[in-house]
Amino acid sequence: MTLSEIIQDIHACAEDMLMYERKYNILSETFYAAYSAGEEPPDHVSVLEWNDWAGAYQIWLRRRQQYQAAIQALEEQNSLMQIIEKAILTSPNLPRPIRIISMFLLTSSTTGFLPLA
């Protein structure tokens, strides 16, 4: 799994968790502690939602661990700026012109020189 995919999963899970947090007015961490201790929803309709919420939280936790491990491994070989530059260059989410502009801004702000290519 790439760093980009890990981050996308983290954000997707966070969006799911936020929806449930707003609905039930409780943070996912608090919910998950009670859920893990065996608490069940007051009605059978919420069972599926609680299972989905717990699943999103578990995936979020796992992806956060994967992210930390990946970043730690990358930081052993690169500076944070190099990691960011590589992410911009390889990001499938950014259109090519945006990647070029981003690299231009990064390069000119860190070196004081304009990139040649």
Protein backbone atom coordinates (compact mmCIF):
# COMPACT_ATOMS: atom_id res chain seq x y z
CA MET A 1 0.00 0.00 0.00
CA THR A 2 1.43 3.37 -0.99
CA LEU A 3 1.67 6.35 1.32
CA SER A 4 -0.92 8.10 -0.81
CA GLU A 5 -3.34 5.18 -0.47
CA ILE A 6 -2.81 5.08 3.28
CA ILE A 7 -3.58 8.79 3.56
CA GLN A 8 -6.66 8.43 1.36
CA ASP A 9 -7.93 5.64 3.63
CA ILE A 10 -7.26 7.74 6.73
CA HIS A 11 -9.33 10.59 5.31
CA ALA A 12 -12.14 8.32 4.13
CA CYS A 13 -12.40 6.69 7.55
CA ALA A 14 -12.25 10.08 9.25
CA GLU A 15 -15.17 11.27 7.12
CA ASP A 16 -17.18 8.18 8.07
CA MET A 17 -16.34 8.59 11.74
CA LEU A 18 -17.25 12.29 11.66
CA MET A 19 -20.68 11.43 10.29
CA TYR A 20 -21.32 9.05 13.20
CA GLU A 21 -19.81 11.42 15.74
CA ARG A 22 -22.19 14.14 14.64
CA LYS A 23 -25.15 11.79 14.63
CA TYR A 24 -24.50 10.29 18.07
CA ASN A 25 -22.73 13.32 19.59
CA ILE A 26 -19.77 11.31 20.83
CA LEU A 27 -16.19 10.97 19.60
CA SER A 28 -15.12 7.74 17.94
CA GLU A 29 -12.51 6.99 20.58
CA THR A 30 -15.14 7.10 23.33
CA PHE A 31 -17.60 5.10 21.25
CA TYR A 32 -15.05 2.44 20.42
CA ALA A 33 -14.00 1.95 24.04
CA ALA A 34 -17.64 1.29 24.99
CA TYR A 35 -18.24 -0.85 21.90
CA SER A 36 -15.14 -2.93 22.66
CA ALA A 37 -16.37 -3.40 26.23
CA GLY A 38 -19.54 -4.98 24.88
CA GLU A 39 -22.01 -2.12 24.94
CA GLU A 40 -24.72 -2.47 22.35
CA PRO A 41 -27.01 0.08 20.73
CA PRO A 42 -30.47 0.57 22.21
CA ASP A 43 -32.20 -0.70 19.08
CA HIS A 44 -31.45 -3.24 16.40
CA VAL A 45 -31.49 -0.57 13.69
CA SER A 46 -28.29 0.96 15.03
CA VAL A 47 -26.40 -2.35 15.19
CA LEU A 48 -25.27 -2.11 11.57
CA GLU A 49 -24.24 1.51 12.02
CA TRP A 50 -22.28 0.69 15.15
CA ASN A 51 -20.53 -2.16 13.36
CA ASP A 52 -19.67 0.14 10.45
CA TRP A 53 -18.47 2.83 12.84
CA ALA A 54 -16.30 0.38 14.76
CA GLY A 55 -14.90 -0.96 11.48
CA ALA A 56 -14.06 2.53 10.26
CA TYR A 57 -12.32 3.28 13.56
CA GLN A 58 -10.32 0.04 13.44
CA ILE A 59 -9.19 0.71 9.88
CA TRP A 60 -8.36 4.32 10.81
CA LEU A 61 -6.19 3.11 13.70
CA ARG A 62 -4.44 0.55 11.51
CA ARG A 63 -3.79 3.06 8.72
CA ARG A 64 -2.44 5.60 11.23
CA GLN A 65 0.05 2.96 12.40
CA GLN A 66 0.97 2.18 8.80
CA TYR A 67 1.38 5.88 8.10
CA GLN A 68 3.69 6.37 11.09
CA ALA A 69 5.81 3.38 10.06
CA ALA A 70 6.00 4.55 6.44
CA ILE A 71 6.92 8.11 7.39
CA GLN A 72 9.54 6.91 9.84
CA ALA A 73 11.11 4.72 7.14
CA LEU A 74 11.05 7.57 4.63
CA GLU A 75 12.53 10.06 7.10
CA GLU A 76 15.50 7.76 7.64
CA GLN A 77 16.45 8.33 4.00
CA ASN A 78 14.95 11.73 3.12
CA SER A 79 14.15 15.11 4.57
CA LEU A 80 10.52 16.06 5.01
CA MET A 81 10.83 18.46 2.06
CA GLN A 82 12.06 15.62 -0.16
CA ILE A 83 9.13 13.46 0.94
CA ILE A 84 6.69 16.26 0.12
CA GLU A 85 8.31 16.92 -3.26
CA LYS A 86 8.09 13.25 -4.17
CA ALA A 87 4.46 13.13 -3.06
CA ILE A 88 3.59 16.10 -5.26
CA LEU A 89 5.39 14.65 -8.26
CA THR A 90 3.71 11.28 -7.97
CA SER A 91 0.28 12.30 -6.70
CA PRO A 92 -2.49 10.86 -8.86
CA ASN A 93 -4.88 13.37 -7.30
CA LEU A 94 -3.21 16.48 -8.67
CA PRO A 95 -3.52 17.44 -12.34
CA ARG A 96 -0.13 17.80 -14.04
CA PRO A 97 -0.24 21.64 -14.23
CA ILE A 98 -0.87 21.82 -10.48
CA ARG A 99 2.05 19.46 -9.82
CA ILE A 100 4.31 21.64 -11.95
CA ILE A 101 3.23 24.83 -10.19
CA SER A 102 3.61 23.18 -6.78
CA MET A 103 7.11 21.99 -7.63
CA PHE A 104 7.97 25.46 -8.91
CA LEU A 105 6.83 27.03 -5.65
CA LEU A 106 8.61 24.43 -3.52
CA THR A 107 11.85 24.69 -5.47
CA SER A 108 11.94 28.46 -5.64
CA SER A 109 11.07 28.85 -1.96
CA THR A 110 13.75 26.44 -0.76
CA THR A 111 16.59 27.36 -3.10
CA GLY A 112 15.83 30.90 -4.10
CA PHE A 113 16.30 29.80 -7.71
CA LEU A 114 13.79 28.94 -10.34
CA PRO A 115 13.74 25.32 -11.55
CA LEU A 116 15.08 24.73 -15.05
CA ALA A 117 12.66 21.99 -15.98
